[in-house]
Every structure is written in C-alpha cells, then in structure tokens.
PDB file of N, CA and C in Angstrom:
ATOM      1  N   UNK A   1      15.836 -55.146  60.184  1.00  0.00           N
ATOM      2  CA  UNK A   1      14.600 -54.586  59.672  1.00  0.00           C
ATOM      3  C   UNK A   1      13.484 -55.607  59.905  1.00  0.00           C
ATOM      4  N   UNK A   2      12.421 -55.141  60.486  1.00  0.00           N
ATOM      5  CA  UNK A   2      11.316 -56.044  60.775  1.00  0.00           C
ATOM      6  C   UNK A   2      10.149 -55.827  59.795  1.00  0.00           C
ATOM      7  N   UNK A   3       9.192 -56.712  59.854  1.00  0.00           N
ATOM      8  CA  UNK A   3       8.005 -56.553  59.049  1.00  0.00           C
ATOM      9  C   UNK A   3       7.270 -55.255  59.355  1.00  0.00           C
ATOM     10  N   UNK A   4       7.313 -54.848  60.624  1.00  0.00           N
ATOM     11  CA  UNK A   4       6.694 -53.593  61.034  1.00  0.00           C
ATOM     12  C   UNK A   4       7.384 -52.413  60.380  1.00  0.00           C
ATOM     13  N   UNK A   5       8.709 -52.447  60.272  1.00  0.00           N
ATOM     14  CA  UNK A   5       9.444 -51.382  59.606  1.00  0.00           C
ATOM     15  C   UNK A   5       9.041 -51.259  58.142  1.00  0.00           C
ATOM     16  N   UNK A   6       8.926 -52.393  57.485  1.00  0.00           N
ATOM     17  CA  UNK A   6       8.560 -52.396  56.071  1.00  0.00           C
ATOM     18  C   UNK A   6       7.139 -51.845  55.895  1.00  0.00           C
ATOM     19  N   UNK A   7       6.235 -52.306  56.748  1.00  0.00           N
ATOM     20  CA  UNK A   7       4.849 -51.824  56.680  1.00  0.00           C
ATOM     21  C   UNK A   7       4.777 -50.332  56.951  1.00  0.00           C
ATOM     22  N   UNK A   8       5.565 -49.847  57.908  1.00  0.00           N
ATOM     23  CA  UNK A   8       5.598 -48.421  58.208  1.00  0.00           C
ATOM     24  C   UNK A   8       6.114 -47.643  57.000  1.00  0.00           C
ATOM     25  N   UNK A   9       7.146 -48.140  56.331  1.00  0.00           N
ATOM     26  CA  UNK A   9       7.677 -47.478  55.153  1.00  0.00           C
ATOM     27  C   UNK A   9       6.668 -47.395  54.031  1.00  0.00           C
ATOM     28  N   UNK A  10       5.971 -48.501  53.787  1.00  0.00           N
ATOM     29  CA  UNK A  10       4.961 -48.523  52.732  1.00  0.00           C
ATOM     30  C   UNK A  10       3.815 -47.564  53.076  1.00  0.00           C
ATOM     31  N   UNK A  11       3.424 -47.564  54.357  1.00  0.00           N
ATOM     32  CA  UNK A  11       2.347 -46.654  54.787  1.00  0.00           C
ATOM     33  C   UNK A  11       2.728 -45.200  54.573  1.00  0.00           C
ATOM     34  N   UNK A  12       3.985 -44.848  54.892  1.00  0.00           N
ATOM     35  CA  UNK A  12       4.432 -43.467  54.712  1.00  0.00           C
ATOM     36  C   UNK A  12       4.440 -43.085  53.229  1.00  0.00           C
ATOM     37  N   UNK A  13       4.862 -43.980  52.368  1.00  0.00           N
ATOM     38  CA  UNK A  13       4.831 -43.708  50.927  1.00  0.00           C
ATOM     39  C   UNK A  13       3.391 -43.441  50.477  1.00  0.00           C
ATOM     40  N   UNK A  14       2.466 -44.268  50.922  1.00  0.00           N
ATOM     41  CA  UNK A  14       1.052 -44.099  50.551  1.00  0.00           C
ATOM     42  C   UNK A  14       0.478 -42.765  51.066  1.00  0.00           C
ATOM     43  N   UNK A  15       0.842 -42.384  52.286  1.00  0.00           N
ATOM     44  CA  UNK A  15       0.364 -41.116  52.845  1.00  0.00           C
ATOM     45  C   UNK A  15       0.905 -39.944  52.019  1.00  0.00           C
ATOM     46  N   UNK A  16       2.198 -39.976  51.693  1.00  0.00           N
ATOM     47  CA  UNK A  16       2.784 -38.880  50.923  1.00  0.00           C
ATOM     48  C   UNK A  16       2.194 -38.835  49.508  1.00  0.00           C
ATOM     49  N   UNK A  17       2.049 -39.994  48.873  1.00  0.00           N
ATOM     50  CA  UNK A  17       1.432 -39.997  47.548  1.00  0.00           C
ATOM     51  C   UNK A  17      -0.001 -39.500  47.604  1.00  0.00           C
ATOM     52  N   UNK A  18      -0.735 -39.920  48.584  1.00  0.00           N
ATOM     53  CA  UNK A  18      -2.109 -39.475  48.745  1.00  0.00           C
ATOM     54  C   UNK A  18      -2.207 -37.974  48.922  1.00  0.00           C
ATOM     55  N   UNK A  19      -1.272 -37.395  49.697  1.00  0.00           N
ATOM     56  CA  UNK A  19      -1.259 -35.965  49.887  1.00  0.00           C
ATOM     57  C   UNK A  19      -1.029 -35.227  48.581  1.00  0.00           C
ATOM     58  N   UNK A  20      -0.093 -35.737  47.790  1.00  0.00           N
ATOM     59  CA  UNK A  20       0.192 -35.098  46.508  1.00  0.00           C
ATOM     60  C   UNK A  20      -1.032 -35.128  45.608  1.00  0.00           C
ATOM     61  N   UNK A  21      -1.671 -36.281  45.514  1.00  0.00           N
ATOM     62  CA  UNK A  21      -2.877 -36.369  44.663  1.00  0.00           C
ATOM     63  C   UNK A  21      -4.021 -35.496  45.188  1.00  0.00           C
ATOM     64  N   UNK A  22      -4.157 -35.406  46.513  1.00  0.00           N
ATOM     65  CA  UNK A  22      -5.247 -34.625  47.105  1.00  0.00           C
ATOM     66  C   UNK A  22      -4.995 -33.130  47.019  1.00  0.00           C
ATOM     67  N   UNK A  23      -3.744 -32.727  47.220  1.00  0.00           N
ATOM     68  CA  UNK A  23      -3.451 -31.287  47.309  1.00  0.00           C
ATOM     69  C   UNK A  23      -3.023 -30.659  45.978  1.00  0.00           C
ATOM     70  N   UNK A  24      -2.466 -31.451  45.082  1.00  0.00           N
ATOM     71  CA  UNK A  24      -1.952 -30.902  43.830  1.00  0.00           C
ATOM     72  C   UNK A  24      -2.149 -31.836  42.656  1.00  0.00           C
ATOM     73  N   UNK A  25      -3.399 -32.170  42.316  1.00  0.00           N
ATOM     74  CA  UNK A  25      -3.614 -33.118  41.213  1.00  0.00           C
ATOM     75  C   UNK A  25      -3.110 -32.610  39.863  1.00  0.00           C
ATOM     76  N   UNK A  26      -3.155 -31.303  39.657  1.00  0.00           N
ATOM     77  CA  UNK A  26      -2.642 -30.785  38.380  1.00  0.00           C
ATOM     78  C   UNK A  26      -1.138 -30.927  38.286  1.00  0.00           C
ATOM     79  N   UNK A  27      -0.447 -30.841  39.419  1.00  0.00           N
ATOM     80  CA  UNK A  27       1.010 -31.067  39.421  1.00  0.00           C
ATOM     81  C   UNK A  27       1.315 -32.512  39.010  1.00  0.00           C
ATOM     82  N   UNK A  28       0.527 -33.447  39.496  1.00  0.00           N
ATOM     83  CA  UNK A  28       0.711 -34.870  39.140  1.00  0.00           C
ATOM     84  C   UNK A  28       0.568 -35.028  37.637  1.00  0.00           C
ATOM     85  N   UNK A  29      -0.453 -34.391  37.060  1.00  0.00           N
ATOM     86  CA  UNK A  29      -0.649 -34.496  35.609  1.00  0.00           C
ATOM     87  C   UNK A  29       0.539 -33.935  34.843  1.00  0.00           C
ATOM     88  N   UNK A  30       1.063 -32.797  35.282  1.00  0.00           N
ATOM     89  CA  UNK A  30       2.246 -32.214  34.593  1.00  0.00           C
ATOM     90  C   UNK A  30       3.463 -33.110  34.741  1.00  0.00           C
ATOM     91  N   UNK A  31       3.648 -33.688  35.923  1.00  0.00           N
ATOM     92  CA  UNK A  31       4.786 -34.580  36.118  1.00  0.00           C
ATOM     93  C   UNK A  31       4.676 -35.808  35.238  1.00  0.00           C
ATOM     94  N   UNK A  32       3.477 -36.388  35.139  1.00  0.00           N
ATOM     95  CA  UNK A  32       3.284 -37.550  34.289  1.00  0.00           C
ATOM     96  C   UNK A  32       3.545 -37.212  32.829  1.00  0.00           C
ATOM     97  N   UNK A  33       3.113 -36.041  32.402  1.00  0.00           N
ATOM     98  CA  UNK A  33       3.362 -35.621  31.022  1.00  0.00           C
ATOM     99  C   UNK A  33       4.861 -35.457  30.769  1.00  0.00           C
ATOM    100  N   UNK A  34       5.566 -34.880  31.745  1.00  0.00           N
ATOM    101  CA  UNK A  34       7.013 -34.708  31.613  1.00  0.00           C
ATOM    102  C   UNK A  34       7.685 -36.067  31.529  1.00  0.00           C
ATOM    103  N   UNK A  35       7.226 -37.024  32.346  1.00  0.00           N
ATOM    104  CA  UNK A  35       7.786 -38.377  32.300  1.00  0.00           C
ATOM    105  C   UNK A  35       7.545 -39.041  30.952  1.00  0.00           C
ATOM    106  N   UNK A  36       6.365 -38.853  30.384  1.00  0.00           N
ATOM    107  CA  UNK A  36       6.066 -39.437  29.068  1.00  0.00           C
ATOM    108  C   UNK A  36       7.009 -38.909  27.993  1.00  0.00           C
ATOM    109  N   UNK A  37       7.425 -37.667  28.130  1.00  0.00           N
ATOM    110  CA  UNK A  37       8.269 -37.058  27.118  1.00  0.00           C
ATOM    111  C   UNK A  37       9.753 -37.415  27.290  1.00  0.00           C
ATOM    112  N   UNK A  38      10.100 -37.963  28.446  1.00  0.00           N
ATOM    113  CA  UNK A  38      11.488 -38.350  28.723  1.00  0.00           C
ATOM    114  C   UNK A  38      11.834 -39.637  27.979  1.00  0.00           C
ATOM    115  N   UNK A  39      13.049 -39.731  27.467  1.00  0.00           N
ATOM    116  CA  UNK A  39      13.480 -40.993  26.873  1.00  0.00           C
ATOM    117  C   UNK A  39      13.507 -42.132  27.924  1.00  0.00           C
ATOM    118  N   UNK A  40      13.297 -43.332  27.441  1.00  0.00           N
ATOM    119  CA  UNK A  40      13.244 -44.505  28.332  1.00  0.00           C
ATOM    120  C   UNK A  40      14.500 -44.627  29.194  1.00  0.00           C
ATOM    121  N   UNK A  41      15.651 -44.429  28.613  1.00  0.00           N
ATOM    122  CA  UNK A  41      16.914 -44.547  29.349  1.00  0.00           C
ATOM    123  C   UNK A  41      16.998 -43.510  30.468  1.00  0.00           C
ATOM    124  N   UNK A  42      16.502 -42.311  30.226  1.00  0.00           N
ATOM    125  CA  UNK A  42      16.512 -41.278  31.253  1.00  0.00           C
ATOM    126  C   UNK A  42      15.611 -41.657  32.404  1.00  0.00           C
ATOM    127  N   UNK A  43      14.424 -42.192  32.092  1.00  0.00           N
ATOM    128  CA  UNK A  43      13.516 -42.656  33.140  1.00  0.00           C
ATOM    129  C   UNK A  43      14.145 -43.808  33.947  1.00  0.00           C
ATOM    130  N   UNK A  44      14.808 -44.693  33.259  1.00  0.00           N
ATOM    131  CA  UNK A  44      15.473 -45.827  33.934  1.00  0.00           C
ATOM    132  C   UNK A  44      16.564 -45.298  34.867  1.00  0.00           C
ATOM    133  N   UNK A  45      17.375 -44.384  34.394  1.00  0.00           N
ATOM    134  CA  UNK A  45      18.454 -43.784  35.192  1.00  0.00           C
ATOM    135  C   UNK A  45      17.860 -43.056  36.410  1.00  0.00           C
ATOM    136  N   UNK A  46      16.792 -42.314  36.190  1.00  0.00           N
ATOM    137  CA  UNK A  46      16.132 -41.594  37.276  1.00  0.00           C
ATOM    138  C   UNK A  46      15.647 -42.596  38.335  1.00  0.00           C
ATOM    139  N   UNK A  47      15.068 -43.707  37.908  1.00  0.00           N
ATOM    140  CA  UNK A  47      14.631 -44.740  38.833  1.00  0.00           C
ATOM    141  C   UNK A  47      15.778 -45.327  39.632  1.00  0.00           C
ATOM    142  N   UNK A  48      16.892 -45.610  38.960  1.00  0.00           N
ATOM    143  CA  UNK A  48      18.048 -46.172  39.661  1.00  0.00           C
ATOM    144  C   UNK A  48      18.655 -45.190  40.660  1.00  0.00           C
ATOM    145  N   UNK A  49      18.717 -43.917  40.271  1.00  0.00           N
ATOM    146  CA  UNK A  49      19.222 -42.885  41.182  1.00  0.00           C
ATOM    147  C   UNK A  49      18.308 -42.747  42.394  1.00  0.00           C
ATOM    148  N   UNK A  50      17.003 -42.864  42.174  1.00  0.00           N
ATOM    149  CA  UNK A  50      16.050 -42.791  43.282  1.00  0.00           C
ATOM    150  C   UNK A  50      16.234 -43.959  44.224  1.00  0.00           C
ATOM    151  N   UNK A  51      16.438 -45.159  43.699  1.00  0.00           N
ATOM    152  CA  UNK A  51      16.669 -46.332  44.535  1.00  0.00           C
ATOM    153  C   UNK A  51      17.932 -46.163  45.375  1.00  0.00           C
ATOM    154  N   UNK A  52      19.012 -45.728  44.728  1.00  0.00           N
ATOM    155  CA  UNK A  52      20.276 -45.560  45.437  1.00  0.00           C
ATOM    156  C   UNK A  52      20.142 -44.491  46.530  1.00  0.00           C
ATOM    157  N   UNK A  53      19.460 -43.400  46.213  1.00  0.00           N
ATOM    158  CA  UNK A  53      19.247 -42.329  47.200  1.00  0.00           C
ATOM    159  C   UNK A  53      18.447 -42.854  48.382  1.00  0.00           C
ATOM    160  N   UNK A  54      17.384 -43.603  48.110  1.00  0.00           N
ATOM    161  CA  UNK A  54      16.580 -44.168  49.190  1.00  0.00           C
ATOM    162  C   UNK A  54      17.376 -45.111  50.053  1.00  0.00           C
ATOM    163  N   UNK A  55      18.164 -45.943  49.452  1.00  0.00           N
ATOM    164  CA  UNK A  55      19.014 -46.899  50.218  1.00  0.00           C
ATOM    165  C   UNK A  55      20.015 -46.151  51.068  1.00  0.00           C
ATOM    166  N   UNK A  56      20.598 -45.096  50.490  1.00  0.00           N
ATOM    167  CA  UNK A  56      21.575 -44.298  51.242  1.00  0.00           C
ATOM    168  C   UNK A  56      20.934 -43.616  52.442  1.00  0.00           C
ATOM    169  N   UNK A  57      19.753 -43.045  52.231  1.00  0.00           N
ATOM    170  CA  UNK A  57      19.034 -42.399  53.350  1.00  0.00           C
ATOM    171  C   UNK A  57      18.655 -43.432  54.428  1.00  0.00           C
ATOM    172  N   UNK A  58      18.252 -44.612  53.999  1.00  0.00           N
ATOM    173  CA  UNK A  58      17.933 -45.683  54.948  1.00  0.00           C
ATOM    174  C   UNK A  58      19.166 -46.083  55.751  1.00  0.00           C
ATOM    175  N   UNK A  59      20.288 -46.203  55.057  1.00  0.00           N
ATOM    176  CA  UNK A  59      21.532 -46.576  55.720  1.00  0.00           C
ATOM    177  C   UNK A  59      21.933 -45.501  56.739  1.00  0.00           C
ATOM    178  N   UNK A  60      21.821 -44.214  56.348  1.00  0.00           N
ATOM    179  CA  UNK A  60      22.166 -43.118  57.270  1.00  0.00           C
ATOM    180  C   UNK A  60      21.251 -43.143  58.484  1.00  0.00           C
ATOM    181  N   UNK A  61      19.952 -43.351  58.263  1.00  0.00           N
ATOM    182  CA  UNK A  61      19.001 -43.381  59.391  1.00  0.00           C
ATOM    183  C   UNK A  61      19.322 -44.536  60.330  1.00  0.00           C
ATOM    184  N   UNK A  62      19.646 -45.698  59.781  1.00  0.00           N
ATOM    185  CA  UNK A  62      19.993 -46.859  60.614  1.00  0.00           C
ATOM    186  C   UNK A  62      21.307 -46.634  61.355  1.00  0.00           C
ATOM    187  N   UNK A  63      22.304 -46.051  60.682  1.00  0.00           N
ATOM    188  CA  UNK A  63      23.604 -45.843  61.290  1.00  0.00           C
ATOM    189  C   UNK A  63      23.557 -44.803  62.404  1.00  0.00           C
ATOM    190  N   UNK A  64      22.629 -43.877  62.293  1.00  0.00           N
ATOM    191  CA  UNK A  64      22.547 -42.827  63.326  1.00  0.00           C
ATOM    192  C   UNK A  64      21.662 -43.272  64.498  1.00  0.00           C
ATOM    193  N   UNK A  65      21.162 -44.479  64.416  1.00  0.00           N
ATOM    194  CA  UNK A  65      20.367 -45.006  65.531  1.00  0.00           C
ATOM    195  C   UNK A  65      18.911 -44.639  65.452  1.00  0.00           C
ATOM    196  N   UNK A  66      18.467 -44.030  64.352  1.00  0.00           N
ATOM    197  CA  UNK A  66      17.074 -43.614  64.235  1.00  0.00           C
ATOM    198  C   UNK A  66      16.255 -44.683  63.786  1.00  0.00           C
TER     199      UNK A  66
END
C-alpha cells in the first residue's frame, strides 16, 4: 500500500460523505439522532464491525488483484 493508495481512499471517503450531505442532509440529521439514542456499547460495536468489514473488503480487493 502506497501513500497514493491511502490518499485515494481518503479522497473517496470525502467524496461519498460530501454527496450524502449535499443530496440528503435531512437523512444525515436522522442518522445522527438515531446514533445519539444508541447506547455507547452499541455504537462501539458498530464501529468495530465497520472497521472489520472495511479491512475485509480491502483484503478481498487486494487478493483479487484490484
């Protein structure tokens, strides 16, 4: 993994986040409210599951030569 790969990944995250905020700002507000109502442990578990899923997708992409 190179610095360019990392920069590309960060750029893609920013583009996707920007699209969500630009196209569906009310959805973002509802999601944030739902997160506020979730217990801390549930949010922590959700974060860990997201990290594992991201790593797994990265591994699959790398293994398939993409």
